[in-house]
Protein backbone atom coordinates (compact mmCIF):
# COMPACT_ATOMS: atom_id res chain seq x y z
CA MET A 1 16.64 6.37 4.82
CA PRO A 2 16.62 4.72 1.38
CA MET A 3 20.02 4.35 0.09
CA SER A 4 19.46 5.23 -3.88
CA ASN A 5 16.81 7.58 -5.75
CA PRO A 6 16.14 7.57 -9.36
CA PRO A 7 18.36 10.04 -11.33
CA PRO A 8 17.38 13.46 -11.07
CA SER A 9 16.33 13.53 -15.01
CA ALA A 10 14.36 10.52 -14.59
CA PRO A 11 10.56 11.72 -15.68
CA PHE A 12 7.66 10.40 -13.61
CA LEU A 13 5.65 7.60 -15.13
CA ALA A 14 1.87 8.00 -15.05
CA GLY A 15 -0.60 5.86 -13.86
CA GLY A 16 1.45 2.62 -13.62
CA LEU A 17 0.09 0.89 -16.63
CA ASP A 18 3.00 0.52 -18.09
CA ALA A 19 4.05 -2.08 -15.82
CA ALA A 20 7.52 -3.16 -16.97
CA ALA A 21 8.77 0.37 -16.67
CA VAL A 22 7.32 0.39 -13.03
CA GLU A 23 8.93 -2.78 -12.64
CA THR A 24 12.21 -1.26 -13.49
CA ARG A 25 12.19 1.81 -11.88
CA ILE A 26 11.27 -0.09 -8.39
CA LEU A 27 13.83 -2.41 -8.77
CA GLY A 28 16.62 0.09 -9.75
CA TYR A 29 15.75 1.22 -5.86
CA ARG A 30 18.91 -0.33 -4.08
CA ALA A 31 18.31 -3.70 -1.84
CA VAL A 32 15.40 -3.77 -3.44
CA GLN A 33 13.70 -7.64 -3.58
CA ARG A 34 11.36 -9.32 -6.32
CA VAL A 35 9.24 -12.01 -4.66
CA PRO A 36 9.57 -15.11 -7.46
CA SER A 37 6.03 -15.84 -8.29
CA PRO A 38 4.69 -15.83 -12.35
CA LYS A 39 1.27 -15.24 -10.17
CA LEU A 40 2.00 -11.81 -9.40
CA THR A 41 4.41 -8.49 -9.29
CA LEU A 42 5.45 -8.17 -5.37
CA PHE A 43 8.32 -6.34 -4.62
CA VAL A 44 10.00 -5.70 -1.00
CA ARG A 45 12.42 -3.65 0.71
CA ARG A 46 13.61 -3.21 4.75
CA ASP A 47 14.27 -0.20 5.82
CA PHE A 48 12.65 2.11 3.44
CA LEU A 49 11.65 4.60 6.11
CA SER A 50 13.50 5.75 8.69
CA PRO A 51 12.37 4.67 12.76
CA GLY A 52 12.26 8.67 13.22
CA LEU A 53 9.75 8.91 10.00
CA CYS A 54 7.50 5.95 11.37
CA THR A 55 7.17 7.55 14.98
CA ALA A 56 6.03 10.53 13.18
CA LEU A 57 3.36 9.25 10.83
CA ILE A 58 2.38 6.63 13.86
CA GLU A 59 1.83 9.88 15.91
CA ARG A 60 -0.32 11.44 13.08
CA ILE A 61 -2.58 8.48 12.43
CA ASP A 62 -3.62 8.31 16.70
CA ARG A 63 -4.87 12.07 15.96
CA VAL A 64 -7.24 11.15 12.73
CA ARG A 65 -8.23 7.75 13.25
CA ARG A 66 -11.69 6.35 12.73
CA PRO A 67 -12.92 2.93 12.11
CA SER A 68 -12.51 1.40 8.71
CA THR A 69 -14.99 1.41 5.82
CA ILE A 70 -15.48 -1.30 3.17
CA ALA A 71 -16.28 -0.53 -0.68
CA ASP A 72 -18.87 -3.07 -0.90
CA SER A 73 -20.48 -4.95 2.35
CA ASN A 74 -20.00 -8.33 2.36
CA GLY A 75 -22.54 -8.78 4.90
CA ASP A 76 -19.35 -9.83 7.55
CA PRO A 77 -19.27 -7.14 10.65
CA THR A 78 -15.51 -8.74 11.08
CA TYR A 79 -14.24 -8.52 7.89
CA ARG A 80 -12.18 -5.54 8.05
CA THR A 81 -11.98 -4.39 12.00
CA SER A 82 -9.02 -2.04 11.97
CA GLU A 83 -8.79 1.68 12.25
CA THR A 84 -8.22 4.32 9.33
CA GLY A 85 -6.21 7.34 9.42
CA ASP A 86 -6.47 10.29 6.76
CA LEU A 87 -2.73 12.19 6.70
CA ASN A 88 -2.88 15.78 5.68
CA ALA A 89 -0.83 16.70 2.58
CA ALA A 90 0.07 20.00 3.51
CA ASP A 91 2.17 18.41 6.55
CA PRO A 92 5.43 18.06 5.66
CA VAL A 93 6.18 14.59 7.38
CA VAL A 94 3.56 13.61 4.62
CA ILE A 95 5.49 15.14 2.08
CA ASP A 96 8.78 13.55 2.56
CA THR A 97 6.72 10.46 2.88
CA GLU A 98 5.67 11.31 -0.52
CA THR A 99 8.76 12.00 -1.96
CA LEU A 100 10.21 8.97 -1.14
CA LEU A 101 7.51 6.59 -2.35
CA ALA A 102 7.57 8.70 -5.51
CA ALA A 103 11.33 7.82 -5.49
CA LEU A 104 10.56 4.49 -4.92
CA THR A 105 8.19 3.93 -7.92
CA GLY A 106 8.83 6.52 -10.38
CA LEU A 107 4.82 6.96 -10.28
CA ASP A 108 3.51 10.48 -10.61
CA PRO A 109 1.73 11.46 -7.43
CA ALA A 110 -0.82 13.41 -9.19
CA TYR A 111 -1.95 9.71 -9.61
CA GLY A 112 -1.80 8.69 -6.33
CA GLU A 113 -4.93 8.76 -3.40
CA PRO A 114 -4.27 10.72 -0.49
CA LEU A 115 -1.92 8.88 1.88
CA GLN A 116 -3.86 6.78 4.61
CA GLY A 117 -2.66 5.16 7.69
CA GLN A 118 -3.84 2.16 9.25
CA ARG A 119 -4.14 0.82 12.79
CA TYR A 120 -4.61 -2.73 14.46
CA ALA A 121 -4.99 -3.37 17.89
CA VAL A 122 -5.17 -6.85 19.43
CA GLY A 123 -7.63 -9.32 17.62
CA GLN A 124 -8.45 -6.64 14.31
CA GLU A 125 -7.30 -7.32 11.00
CA PHE A 126 -8.35 -7.38 7.11
CA LYS A 127 -9.77 -10.58 5.68
CA GLY A 128 -8.74 -11.17 2.63
CA HIS A 129 -9.36 -8.76 0.03
CA THR A 130 -7.80 -7.25 -3.31
CA ASP A 131 -7.23 -3.37 -3.55
CA TYR A 132 -8.87 -2.85 -6.97
CA PHE A 133 -12.91 -2.19 -7.02
CA GLU A 134 -14.47 -4.89 -8.76
CA PRO A 135 -16.07 -3.63 -12.03
CA LYS A 136 -19.60 -5.42 -11.00
CA GLY A 137 -19.02 -4.03 -7.31
CA LEU A 138 -21.98 -1.78 -6.11
CA ASP A 139 -19.63 0.98 -5.75
CA TYR A 140 -17.48 0.56 -8.73
CA TRP A 141 -19.25 3.77 -10.19
CA ASP A 142 -18.83 6.21 -7.47
CA HIS A 143 -15.73 5.14 -6.55
CA CYS A 144 -13.44 4.93 -10.27
CA LYS A 145 -15.97 7.06 -12.83
CA ILE A 146 -12.90 9.83 -12.51
CA PRO A 147 -9.82 8.77 -11.40
CA GLY A 148 -10.24 5.01 -12.88
CA ASN A 149 -9.31 1.75 -10.85
CA ARG A 150 -6.18 1.32 -8.36
CA THR A 151 -3.06 0.36 -10.46
CA TRP A 152 -0.11 -0.35 -7.77
CA THR A 153 -0.41 -0.53 -3.59
CA VAL A 154 2.20 0.93 -1.96
CA MET A 155 2.17 -0.17 1.76
CA VAL A 156 4.87 0.37 5.01
CA TYR A 157 5.01 -0.77 8.34
CA LEU A 158 5.81 1.33 10.79
CA ASN A 159 6.55 -0.79 13.37
CA GLN A 160 6.50 -3.77 14.91
CA PRO A 161 3.68 -5.38 17.01
CA GLU A 162 4.86 -7.91 20.15
CA ALA A 163 2.64 -11.14 17.98
CA GLY A 164 0.89 -11.36 14.67
CA GLY A 165 -0.03 -8.70 12.03
CA ALA A 166 1.71 -10.34 9.09
CA THR A 167 0.01 -9.88 5.67
CA ARG A 168 -0.59 -13.29 3.73
CA PHE A 169 -0.84 -13.39 -0.13
CA LYS A 170 -2.84 -16.38 -0.29
CA ALA A 171 -2.32 -17.13 -3.60
CA ILE A 172 0.99 -17.65 -3.60
CA ASP A 173 0.90 -18.53 0.10
CA LYS A 174 3.68 -16.02 0.93
CA ILE A 175 3.51 -13.96 4.10
CA ILE A 176 5.39 -10.82 4.62
CA GLN A 177 5.86 -10.37 8.64
CA PRO A 178 5.86 -6.82 10.03
CA GLU A 179 9.04 -4.71 10.18
CA VAL A 180 9.67 -1.00 11.25
CA GLY A 181 9.67 0.93 7.50
CA LYS A 182 9.52 -2.28 5.32
CA VAL A 183 7.98 -1.46 2.47
CA VAL A 184 5.74 -3.92 0.05
CA ALA A 185 4.35 -2.74 -3.30
CA TRP A 186 2.33 -4.91 -5.80
CA ASN A 187 0.93 -4.41 -8.98
CA ASN A 188 -2.90 -4.56 -8.66
CA ARG A 189 -3.02 -6.24 -12.58
CA ARG A 190 -1.71 -9.57 -14.73
CA PRO A 191 0.89 -7.71 -17.24
CA ASP A 192 -1.47 -8.15 -20.23
CA GLY A 193 -3.43 -5.35 -17.67
CA SER A 194 -6.23 -7.21 -16.72
CA LEU A 195 -6.83 -6.95 -12.78
CA ASN A 196 -4.92 -9.64 -10.54
CA PRO A 197 -7.13 -11.87 -8.37
CA ALA A 198 -3.66 -13.19 -7.16
CA THR A 199 -3.46 -10.10 -5.61
CA ILE A 200 -5.74 -11.21 -2.59
CA HIS A 201 -3.93 -10.25 0.97
CA HIS A 202 -4.72 -11.30 4.32
CA GLY A 203 -3.89 -8.03 7.12
CA MET A 204 -3.70 -11.07 9.55
CA LYS A 205 -5.11 -10.63 13.11
CA VAL A 206 -2.52 -8.65 15.99
CA ARG A 207 -2.24 -10.88 18.60
CA ALA A 208 -0.25 -8.95 21.20
CA GLY A 209 0.47 -5.12 21.04
CA VAL A 210 -0.67 -2.75 18.19
CA LYS A 211 0.21 -2.65 13.99
CA TYR A 212 0.78 0.55 11.85
CA VAL A 213 0.85 0.84 8.55
CA ILE A 214 0.81 3.61 5.71
CA THR A 215 -0.86 2.53 2.28
CA LYS A 216 -0.54 4.56 -0.77
CA TRP A 217 -2.89 3.75 -3.89
CA TYR A 218 -2.18 4.88 -7.42
CA ARG A 219 -4.70 5.07 -10.02
CA GLU A 220 -5.65 4.86 -13.62
CA ARG A 221 -6.04 8.63 -13.75
CA PRO A 222 -5.22 11.76 -12.29
CA TRP A 223 -6.75 11.80 -8.51
CA SER A 224 -8.90 14.48 -8.51
């Protein structure tokens, strides 16, 4: 379990557009490390979720998983080969997880998409991509007309596969290895608020075992 939470009186932040405020909140959470890079804002913390909570989330992902999709097809059928599970917001396990994510980031849960889980079997991956929606993309209006674009991403590894499954941030040549309960959080924008292509990352192939993660995306405006 986390070792430190924001003071109870600390107000929630809105959609994460005030990047400095979010960064301050995250760095105030014990044992958080910021990856040193001028190209993007990226944080890592080990042991964010307990092993028991990770196991419970894995069980729930397995109940609802389906083939993952992408917003704009690029013609590559092997671009994203994982499975995705939409988690029940009323589930006490999901509620507990959401509470911890809000405590880490300070971001108002009303601005967050529903929590998702992903499962990667041997050979599965998600090739290099950014989490925000390209303004010129085919599905941009459908995905962003109400809540706006994505601002922050928070991802937690739920287990450690036998081999492979790391996340590589190509622009800074940073590879993050999966560990049970490890959280990775990043701002999808530059300090000036523009979308940041340096956040491109690759969910690398699992070579042995299975990898599970959960992902929480936050938006410019409340999620509807």
